[in-house]
Amino acid sequence: MKDCGTSLTRFETAPLEVEAAFDGGRITSDGGLVWLAEADEELGVCQAISGHVPEWRGPSLRHSLATLVRQRVYQIACGYEDQNDADTLRSDPLLKLVLGRRLENAPGPKECLRVARALAEVYVRERGKAGAPERILLDFDATADPTHGEQEGARYHGYYRTHMYHPLLVFDGHTDQIVAAVLRAGNTHASRGALSVLKRVVGRLREEWPGVRVELRADAGFAVPSVYEWCESEGVGYTIGLVSNPRLEALAEPLLERAERISEERGGEKVRLISETPYRAQSWDRSRRVIHKAEVLEKGTNTRFVVTSGNDRPGKLYDWYVRRGETEGWIKDFKRALKADRLSCKRFWANQFRLLLHAAAYWLMDELRRKLVAAGVGRMQLDTLRLRLFKIGGRVRQLLTKVRLHLASGHPGQSWWEALSPDARTARE
């Protein structure tokens, strides 16, 4: 390969010499942007956010705040998570088309709260489309977002052994919809602020659906008395992991010994037993029901503990708790596919706003994923969705009465486009 000037590159390794240059004209690398725009039109996510962004620019404005929000959210969804990507993407003809034509530092704490509430309203509206829900499961989780600069609020966390932010994320455990995304300092305990978020979310849900049953599911990071006591006083069910301690291990010892005997009798095969016991920690005001698991594996023994207000039998409750692992998969989608851990602004509130923009991008992509699943396509990760649906090279041709996208022939995502087409959706309905 040898370079011939700034615009042309020749490759001499192919059977025929290949020349490449960025001179194709009105070509986009993200033909699927139109689907993002359609999902946003239906959900109203970007419009809801832009209504709470303060205007910081001077009198000569070229673009509306709604346009700037759409630009950032659509870029994130397409895999361009860095703010600086806008400098090169602004010439993409399709991005300019769907937008109709640096945002993060404008909002402060009040604006971020309003944006968070606006996204929560999107959740309430979408959750209620199938009718008033009888039961809502809230999965609370904390995640590590490593930092690599001097961002405000970045702190060293001893457990993760890195400088980081420690966001709190809330998902609907039945529908996988994101409910809340709260940025916190890196050295914050997992439970910090969880109760205030829980109060706000539950209050809004009951305001919309007075009879709804709300349940909380969370790992041991959220096992604090204030959470149990509030849930019990407000009629919110809970199932929360417990960190092991010598008293709990002593309670589980007979069950573990029994599991070891059974495993030995069966030639060393895996054995899992689950039981329950009343337990009261020193910081608790009463005894509570604790489910405990004793397991014998090839690599050794394992005990786990869960505190719950539920009434189901121990095995059923424990298995239900373990299914919170699905939420961890949604968090991976949020962080890996949408780069929600790319919080590189200097100001803390700018990074909180960025986290909310990533949540908005999750809403749009998850909406498209739901439509594909409804059309019979197997559930996929969001990075697969982006690759198959958005990353299609094509030429944008503007005609007198319409715009024509000439997309790459034979692209493997063509069947997904057909599944999402209005004609196909009408036929299914």
Protein backbone atom coordinates (compact mmCIF):
# COMPACT_ATOMS: atom_id res chain seq x y z
CA MET A 1 0.00 0.00 0.00
CA LYS A 2 1.33 3.46 -0.79
CA ASP A 3 -0.14 6.86 -0.21
CA CYS A 4 -0.62 9.11 -3.22
CA GLY A 5 -1.41 12.53 -1.77
CA THR A 6 -4.04 13.42 0.80
CA SER A 7 -7.13 12.14 -1.03
CA LEU A 8 -6.12 8.94 -2.81
CA THR A 9 -4.72 5.65 -1.51
CA ARG A 10 -3.63 2.78 -3.76
CA PHE A 11 -3.55 -0.87 -2.73
CA GLU A 12 -1.24 -3.05 -4.80
CA THR A 13 -1.88 -6.38 -3.05
CA ALA A 14 -5.16 -7.17 -4.85
CA PRO A 15 -5.36 -8.93 -8.26
CA LEU A 16 -6.19 -5.52 -9.66
CA GLU A 17 -4.89 -2.28 -8.28
CA VAL A 18 -7.46 -0.66 -5.96
CA GLU A 19 -7.76 3.06 -5.47
CA ALA A 20 -9.63 4.54 -2.49
CA ALA A 21 -10.58 8.15 -1.84
CA PHE A 22 -13.12 9.97 0.33
CA ASP A 23 -14.78 11.60 -2.66
CA GLY A 24 -18.06 9.68 -2.89
CA GLY A 25 -20.21 12.71 -2.21
CA ARG A 26 -23.46 12.41 -0.28
CA ILE A 27 -22.79 9.00 1.26
CA THR A 28 -23.68 7.91 4.78
CA SER A 29 -22.17 5.07 6.79
CA ASP A 30 -25.26 4.88 9.03
CA GLY A 31 -28.23 4.23 6.77
CA GLY A 32 -30.31 3.01 9.71
CA LEU A 33 -30.49 6.47 11.27
CA VAL A 34 -33.99 6.76 9.85
CA TRP A 35 -35.16 4.03 12.25
CA LEU A 36 -33.79 5.96 15.22
CA ALA A 37 -35.65 9.04 14.06
CA GLU A 38 -38.86 7.04 13.75
CA ALA A 39 -38.47 5.52 17.23
CA ASP A 40 -37.80 8.97 18.64
CA GLU A 41 -40.89 10.33 16.90
CA GLU A 42 -42.99 7.64 18.58
CA LEU A 43 -41.44 7.87 22.06
CA GLY A 44 -40.75 11.62 22.16
CA VAL A 45 -37.57 11.01 24.16
CA CYS A 46 -35.37 13.78 22.75
CA GLN A 47 -38.18 16.32 22.76
CA ALA A 48 -38.84 15.53 26.42
CA ILE A 49 -35.17 16.08 27.29
CA SER A 50 -34.71 19.28 25.30
CA GLY A 51 -37.54 20.98 27.17
CA HIS A 52 -35.36 20.99 30.30
CA VAL A 53 -32.01 22.07 28.84
CA PRO A 54 -31.20 25.72 29.62
CA GLU A 55 -30.24 27.96 26.71
CA TRP A 56 -26.61 29.00 27.14
CA ARG A 57 -25.89 30.28 23.63
CA GLY A 58 -25.86 33.79 22.30
CA PRO A 59 -28.56 35.51 20.25
CA SER A 60 -27.44 34.20 16.82
CA LEU A 61 -28.65 30.57 16.96
CA ARG A 62 -28.57 28.17 14.04
CA HIS A 63 -29.98 25.04 15.67
CA SER A 64 -32.69 24.42 18.26
CA LEU A 65 -31.96 22.67 21.54
CA ALA A 66 -34.10 19.75 20.37
CA THR A 67 -31.83 19.39 17.34
CA LEU A 68 -28.70 19.38 19.50
CA VAL A 69 -30.16 16.75 21.83
CA ARG A 70 -31.16 14.55 18.89
CA GLN A 71 -27.69 14.87 17.42
CA ARG A 72 -26.02 13.64 20.61
CA VAL A 73 -28.51 10.85 21.30
CA TYR A 74 -28.46 9.56 17.71
CA GLN A 75 -24.65 9.68 17.66
CA ILE A 76 -24.48 7.64 20.87
CA ALA A 77 -26.91 5.08 19.46
CA CYS A 78 -24.75 4.76 16.33
CA GLY A 79 -21.61 4.18 18.39
CA TYR A 80 -20.12 7.69 18.36
CA GLU A 81 -20.08 8.36 22.08
CA ASP A 82 -17.41 11.08 22.14
CA GLN A 83 -18.51 14.72 22.00
CA ASN A 84 -15.78 15.46 19.48
CA ASP A 85 -17.31 13.01 17.00
CA ALA A 86 -19.80 15.74 16.13
CA ASP A 87 -17.03 17.68 14.39
CA THR A 88 -16.74 15.06 11.65
CA LEU A 89 -20.30 13.71 11.67
CA ARG A 90 -21.85 17.11 11.00
CA SER A 91 -21.17 16.56 7.30
CA ASP A 92 -23.01 13.21 7.20
CA PRO A 93 -25.96 13.87 4.84
CA LEU A 94 -28.37 11.49 6.55
CA LEU A 95 -27.63 12.74 10.05
CA LYS A 96 -28.36 16.28 8.88
CA LEU A 97 -31.56 15.06 7.25
CA VAL A 98 -33.01 13.29 10.30
CA LEU A 99 -32.03 16.19 12.57
CA GLY A 100 -33.65 18.75 10.36
CA ARG A 101 -30.16 20.26 11.02
CA ARG A 102 -21.56 21.13 22.79
CA LEU A 103 -24.48 20.51 24.81
CA GLU A 104 -23.39 18.71 28.03
CA ASN A 105 -22.09 21.67 30.00
CA ALA A 106 -25.39 23.58 29.94
CA PRO A 107 -27.50 21.63 32.49
CA GLY A 108 -26.97 21.86 36.25
CA PRO A 109 -28.49 19.75 39.05
CA LYS A 110 -32.02 21.15 38.67
CA GLU A 111 -32.05 20.58 34.91
CA CYS A 112 -30.65 17.06 35.30
CA LEU A 113 -33.42 16.23 37.77
CA ARG A 114 -36.03 17.52 35.33
CA VAL A 115 -34.53 15.47 32.50
CA ALA A 116 -34.50 12.38 34.72
CA ARG A 117 -38.17 12.93 35.50
CA ALA A 118 -38.94 13.41 31.81
CA LEU A 119 -37.35 10.03 31.02
CA ALA A 120 -39.32 8.49 33.90
CA GLU A 121 -42.49 9.85 32.28
CA VAL A 122 -41.52 8.08 29.06
CA TYR A 123 -41.27 4.87 31.09
CA VAL A 124 -44.67 5.40 32.75
CA ARG A 125 -46.34 6.13 29.42
CA GLU A 126 -44.81 3.13 27.65
CA ARG A 127 -45.37 0.78 30.58
CA GLY A 128 -49.05 1.64 30.63
CA LYS A 129 -49.70 1.15 26.93
CA ALA A 130 -50.86 -2.43 27.50
CA GLY A 131 -53.12 -1.34 30.35
CA ALA A 132 -52.58 -0.63 34.03
CA PRO A 133 -49.99 -3.10 35.37
CA GLU A 134 -50.92 -5.13 38.43
CA ARG A 135 -47.31 -5.63 39.51
CA ILE A 136 -44.02 -3.84 38.82
CA LEU A 137 -40.61 -5.21 39.71
CA LEU A 138 -37.82 -2.67 40.20
CA ASP A 139 -34.30 -4.03 39.83
CA PHE A 140 -31.76 -1.76 41.53
CA ASP A 141 -28.08 -2.14 40.73
CA ALA A 142 -24.86 -0.18 41.05
CA THR A 143 -22.12 -0.35 38.46
CA ALA A 144 -18.51 0.78 38.17
CA ASP A 145 -17.64 3.42 35.57
CA PRO A 146 -13.82 3.77 35.60
CA THR A 147 -12.50 7.29 35.03
CA HIS A 148 -9.25 8.28 33.39
CA GLY A 149 -8.93 11.97 34.10
CA GLU A 150 -9.69 14.68 36.63
CA GLN A 151 -13.48 14.51 36.47
CA GLU A 152 -15.37 16.01 39.40
CA GLY A 153 -16.58 13.26 41.70
CA ALA A 154 -14.15 10.62 40.41
CA ARG A 155 -12.89 8.75 43.48
CA TYR A 156 -10.97 5.59 44.28
CA HIS A 157 -13.18 2.63 45.21
CA GLY A 158 -11.48 -0.01 47.33
CA TYR A 159 -13.61 -2.93 46.15
CA TYR A 160 -13.15 -2.24 42.44
CA ARG A 161 -9.58 -0.96 42.95
CA THR A 162 -9.94 1.87 40.48
CA HIS A 163 -10.85 5.54 40.22
CA MET A 164 -14.42 5.63 39.03
CA TYR A 165 -17.98 6.90 39.17
CA HIS A 166 -20.53 4.64 40.85
CA PRO A 167 -23.88 5.11 39.05
CA LEU A 168 -27.17 3.76 40.36
CA LEU A 169 -29.33 2.17 37.66
CA VAL A 170 -32.96 1.07 37.92
CA PHE A 171 -34.63 -1.24 35.40
CA ASP A 172 -38.09 -2.73 35.18
CA GLY A 173 -37.40 -6.38 35.97
CA HIS A 174 -40.28 -7.58 33.79
CA THR A 175 -39.88 -5.44 30.68
CA ASP A 176 -36.14 -4.49 30.80
CA GLN A 177 -37.04 -0.80 30.34
CA ILE A 178 -34.66 1.64 31.99
CA VAL A 179 -36.35 3.66 34.75
CA ALA A 180 -33.57 5.76 36.29
CA ALA A 181 -29.84 6.47 35.90
CA VAL A 182 -28.24 8.43 38.73
CA LEU A 183 -24.57 9.41 38.74
CA ARG A 184 -22.71 9.20 42.06
CA ALA A 185 -19.17 9.80 43.27
CA GLY A 186 -16.75 6.90 42.89
CA ASN A 187 -16.37 6.14 46.60
CA THR A 188 -20.14 6.09 47.24
CA HIS A 189 -21.64 3.03 48.91
CA ALA A 190 -23.97 1.08 46.60
CA SER A 191 -27.00 2.00 48.74
CA ARG A 192 -26.29 5.75 48.86
CA GLY A 193 -29.31 7.63 47.56
CA ALA A 194 -31.17 4.41 46.71
CA LEU A 195 -33.99 5.06 49.17
CA SER A 196 -34.70 8.56 47.83
CA VAL A 197 -34.79 7.20 44.28
CA LEU A 198 -37.05 4.35 45.38
CA LYS A 199 -39.44 6.79 47.09
CA ARG A 200 -39.61 9.00 44.02
CA VAL A 201 -40.20 6.11 41.61
CA VAL A 202 -42.76 4.31 43.78
CA GLY A 203 -44.60 7.56 44.42
CA ARG A 204 -44.91 8.23 40.70
CA LEU A 205 -46.04 4.67 39.94
CA ARG A 206 -48.74 4.77 42.59
CA GLU A 207 -49.86 8.17 41.44
CA GLU A 208 -50.42 6.70 37.97
CA TRP A 209 -51.73 3.29 39.10
CA PRO A 210 -52.99 3.43 42.72
CA GLY A 211 -53.48 -0.31 42.98
CA VAL A 212 -50.14 -1.45 41.55
CA ARG A 213 -47.98 -3.85 43.60
CA VAL A 214 -44.36 -2.74 43.62
CA GLU A 215 -41.44 -5.02 44.47
CA LEU A 216 -37.75 -4.28 44.91
CA ARG A 217 -35.00 -6.71 43.95
CA ALA A 218 -31.35 -5.87 44.58
CA ASP A 219 -27.98 -7.32 45.53
CA ALA A 220 -26.27 -7.13 48.90
CA GLY A 221 -25.05 -3.58 48.31
CA PHE A 222 -28.59 -2.39 49.05
CA ALA A 223 -29.03 -4.45 52.24
CA VAL A 224 -29.50 -1.59 54.72
CA PRO A 225 -32.19 -1.28 57.43
CA SER A 226 -33.59 2.00 56.11
CA VAL A 227 -34.59 0.25 52.87
CA TYR A 228 -36.29 -2.69 54.64
CA GLU A 229 -38.11 -0.43 57.08
CA TRP A 230 -39.44 1.92 54.42
CA CYS A 231 -40.56 -0.95 52.19
CA GLU A 232 -42.40 -2.57 55.11
CA SER A 233 -44.07 0.68 56.12
CA GLU A 234 -45.18 1.41 52.52
CA GLY A 235 -46.22 -2.09 51.48
CA VAL A 236 -43.40 -2.54 48.97
CA GLY A 237 -42.16 -6.11 48.68
CA TYR A 238 -38.42 -6.73 48.68
CA THR A 239 -35.89 -9.48 48.05
CA ILE A 240 -32.32 -8.35 48.70
CA GLY A 241 -29.03 -10.22 48.96
CA LEU A 242 -27.13 -10.29 52.26
CA VAL A 243 -23.39 -10.21 52.81
CA SER A 244 -22.29 -13.33 54.64
CA ASN A 245 -21.11 -13.13 58.26
CA PRO A 246 -20.23 -15.69 60.95
CA ARG A 247 -23.76 -15.73 62.42
CA LEU A 248 -25.35 -16.41 59.04
CA GLU A 249 -22.76 -19.06 58.23
CA ALA A 250 -23.51 -20.77 61.54
CA LEU A 251 -27.24 -20.81 60.72
CA ALA A 252 -26.51 -22.37 57.33
CA GLU A 253 -23.99 -24.93 58.62
CA PRO A 254 -26.49 -27.81 59.19
CA LEU A 255 -27.87 -27.38 55.67
CA LEU A 256 -24.36 -27.32 54.21
CA GLU A 257 -23.38 -30.48 56.11
CA ARG A 258 -26.48 -32.19 54.74
CA ALA A 259 -25.60 -31.11 51.18
CA GLU A 260 -22.08 -32.48 51.62
CA ARG A 261 -23.41 -35.86 52.82
CA ILE A 262 -25.79 -36.12 49.86
CA SER A 263 -23.02 -35.18 47.43
CA GLU A 264 -20.72 -37.81 48.89
CA GLU A 265 -23.45 -40.48 48.69
CA ARG A 266 -24.00 -39.60 45.02
CA GLY A 267 -20.37 -39.87 44.05
CA GLY A 268 -19.46 -36.21 44.36
CA GLU A 269 -22.18 -34.77 42.15
CA LYS A 270 -23.38 -31.19 42.50
CA VAL A 271 -25.97 -30.64 45.23
CA ARG A 272 -27.92 -27.48 46.02
CA LEU A 273 -30.22 -27.17 49.03
CA ILE A 274 -32.29 -24.13 49.98
CA SER A 275 -33.98 -23.41 53.29
CA GLU A 276 -34.98 -20.46 55.46
CA THR A 277 -34.52 -19.10 58.96
CA PRO A 278 -35.64 -16.08 60.98
CA TYR A 279 -32.70 -13.75 61.49
CA ARG A 280 -32.14 -10.42 63.19
CA ALA A 281 -28.96 -8.43 62.69
CA GLN A 282 -27.84 -6.06 65.44
CA SER A 283 -28.87 -3.04 63.34
CA TRP A 284 -32.38 -4.39 62.63
CA ASP A 285 -35.46 -3.49 64.63
CA ARG A 286 -37.01 -6.95 64.16
CA SER A 287 -36.40 -10.47 62.86
CA ARG A 288 -36.84 -11.00 59.13
CA ARG A 289 -37.14 -13.97 56.84
CA VAL A 290 -33.77 -15.01 55.40
CA ILE A 291 -33.46 -17.59 52.62
CA HIS A 292 -30.14 -19.45 52.62
CA LYS A 293 -28.58 -21.65 49.98
CA ALA A 294 -26.00 -24.37 50.61
CA GLU A 295 -24.29 -25.74 47.52
CA VAL A 296 -21.61 -28.35 46.92
CA LEU A 297 -19.70 -27.92 43.68
CA GLU A 298 -16.67 -29.57 42.11
CA LYS A 299 -14.57 -26.59 43.14
CA GLY A 300 -15.91 -26.46 46.72
CA THR A 301 -18.86 -25.32 48.82
CA ASN A 302 -20.89 -22.15 48.49
CA THR A 303 -23.45 -20.43 50.71
CA ARG A 304 -25.65 -17.45 49.83
CA PHE A 305 -28.20 -15.43 51.81
CA VAL A 306 -31.24 -13.36 50.84
CA VAL A 307 -33.58 -11.31 53.05
CA THR A 308 -37.14 -11.08 51.82
CA SER A 309 -40.67 -10.03 52.66
CA GLY A 310 -42.01 -12.59 50.18
CA ASN A 311 -44.17 -15.59 51.10
CA ASP A 312 -43.25 -18.08 48.38
CA ARG A 313 -41.38 -21.26 49.25
CA PRO A 314 -37.60 -20.82 49.69
CA GLY A 315 -36.52 -22.47 46.45
CA LYS A 316 -38.91 -20.45 44.31
CA LEU A 317 -37.94 -17.18 45.99
CA TYR A 318 -34.23 -17.84 45.66
CA ASP A 319 -34.50 -18.75 41.98
CA TRP A 320 -36.53 -15.59 41.40
CA TYR A 321 -33.81 -13.55 43.11
CA VAL A 322 -31.11 -15.13 40.96
CA ARG A 323 -32.94 -14.02 37.83
CA ARG A 324 -31.85 -10.49 38.63
CA GLY A 325 -28.80 -11.55 36.62
CA GLU A 326 -30.85 -10.61 33.56
CA THR A 327 -30.64 -7.00 34.68
CA GLU A 328 -26.86 -7.28 34.72
CA GLY A 329 -27.12 -8.20 31.05
CA TRP A 330 -29.12 -5.05 30.36
CA ILE A 331 -26.46 -3.01 32.18
CA LYS A 332 -23.81 -4.57 29.94
CA ASP A 333 -25.88 -3.47 26.95
CA PHE A 334 -26.10 0.02 28.42
CA LYS A 335 -22.38 0.24 29.15
CA ARG A 336 -20.78 -1.76 26.35
CA ALA A 337 -23.05 -1.20 23.38
CA LEU A 338 -23.91 2.40 24.25
CA LYS A 339 -20.63 3.30 26.02
CA ALA A 340 -22.53 4.69 29.02
CA ASP A 341 -19.29 4.53 31.00
CA ARG A 342 -17.67 7.13 28.72
CA LEU A 343 -18.20 10.00 31.17
CA SER A 344 -15.19 12.15 30.34
CA CYS A 345 -16.49 15.70 30.90
CA LYS A 346 -14.77 17.75 33.58
CA ARG A 347 -17.93 18.74 35.47
CA PHE A 348 -19.93 16.24 37.50
CA TRP A 349 -23.31 17.52 36.31
CA ALA A 350 -22.16 17.43 32.70
CA ASN A 351 -21.43 13.73 33.18
CA GLN A 352 -24.80 13.20 34.86
CA PHE A 353 -26.42 14.75 31.81
CA ARG A 354 -24.33 12.53 29.54
CA LEU A 355 -25.51 9.48 31.47
CA LEU A 356 -29.10 10.56 30.83
CA LEU A 357 -28.37 11.04 27.12
CA HIS A 358 -27.07 7.47 27.01
CA ALA A 359 -30.28 6.36 28.75
CA ALA A 360 -32.25 8.15 26.02
CA ALA A 361 -30.25 6.30 23.36
CA TYR A 362 -31.01 3.04 25.18
CA TRP A 363 -34.72 3.86 25.00
CA LEU A 364 -34.59 4.36 21.22
CA MET A 365 -32.56 1.24 20.49
CA ASP A 366 -34.52 -0.91 22.90
CA GLU A 367 -37.75 0.23 21.25
CA LEU A 368 -36.45 -0.96 17.86
CA ARG A 369 -35.32 -4.24 19.43
CA ARG A 370 -38.83 -4.79 20.82
CA LYS A 371 -40.35 -4.24 17.40
CA LEU A 372 -37.98 -6.76 15.84
CA VAL A 373 -38.74 -9.33 18.54
CA ALA A 374 -42.46 -8.77 17.94
CA ALA A 375 -41.80 -9.46 14.26
CA GLY A 376 -40.25 -12.84 15.08
CA VAL A 377 -36.56 -11.86 15.16
CA GLY A 378 -34.63 -13.41 18.04
CA ARG A 379 -33.65 -11.05 20.85
CA MET A 380 -30.22 -9.56 20.26
CA GLN A 381 -27.70 -7.37 22.07
CA LEU A 382 -27.77 -3.70 21.18
CA ASP A 383 -24.36 -3.76 19.50
CA THR A 384 -25.70 -6.48 17.19
CA LEU A 385 -28.74 -4.33 16.51
CA ARG A 386 -26.51 -1.40 15.60
CA LEU A 387 -24.36 -3.49 13.27
CA ARG A 388 -27.27 -5.10 11.43
CA LEU A 389 -29.74 -2.23 11.34
CA PHE A 390 -27.77 1.05 11.39
CA LYS A 391 -24.35 0.36 9.93
CA ILE A 392 -25.36 0.27 6.29
CA GLY A 393 -23.42 2.35 3.80
CA GLY A 394 -25.49 4.18 1.24
CA ARG A 395 -25.89 7.18 -1.02
CA VAL A 396 -28.36 9.92 -0.12
CA ARG A 397 -30.09 11.34 -3.19
CA GLN A 398 -32.46 14.26 -2.83
CA LEU A 399 -35.22 14.27 -5.43
CA LEU A 400 -37.87 16.90 -6.06
CA THR A 401 -40.49 15.39 -3.75
CA LYS A 402 -38.55 12.92 -1.60
CA VAL A 403 -35.16 11.66 -0.47
CA ARG A 404 -33.98 8.29 -1.78
CA LEU A 405 -31.47 6.17 0.13
CA HIS A 406 -29.46 3.84 -2.08
CA LEU A 407 -28.25 1.23 0.43
CA ALA A 408 -25.64 -1.47 0.07
CA SER A 409 -27.07 -4.40 -1.89
CA GLY A 410 -26.96 -7.73 -0.08
CA HIS A 411 -26.51 -6.22 3.38
CA PRO A 412 -27.46 -8.87 6.01
CA GLY A 413 -29.74 -6.38 7.78
CA GLN A 414 -32.15 -6.13 4.84
CA SER A 415 -34.58 -8.64 6.37
CA TRP A 416 -34.73 -6.54 9.54
CA TRP A 417 -35.63 -3.45 7.53
CA GLU A 418 -38.41 -5.42 5.91
CA ALA A 419 -39.65 -6.62 9.33
CA LEU A 420 -39.80 -3.02 10.60
CA SER A 421 -41.48 -1.60 7.52
CA PRO A 422 -44.94 -0.06 8.04
CA ASP A 423 -46.53 -2.59 5.66
CA ALA A 424 -45.13 -5.52 7.64
CA ARG A 425 -46.28 -4.05 10.97
CA THR A 426 -49.79 -3.41 9.56
CA ALA A 427 -50.01 -7.01 8.35
CA ARG A 428 -49.05 -8.32 11.80
CA GLU A 429 -51.62 -6.13 13.51
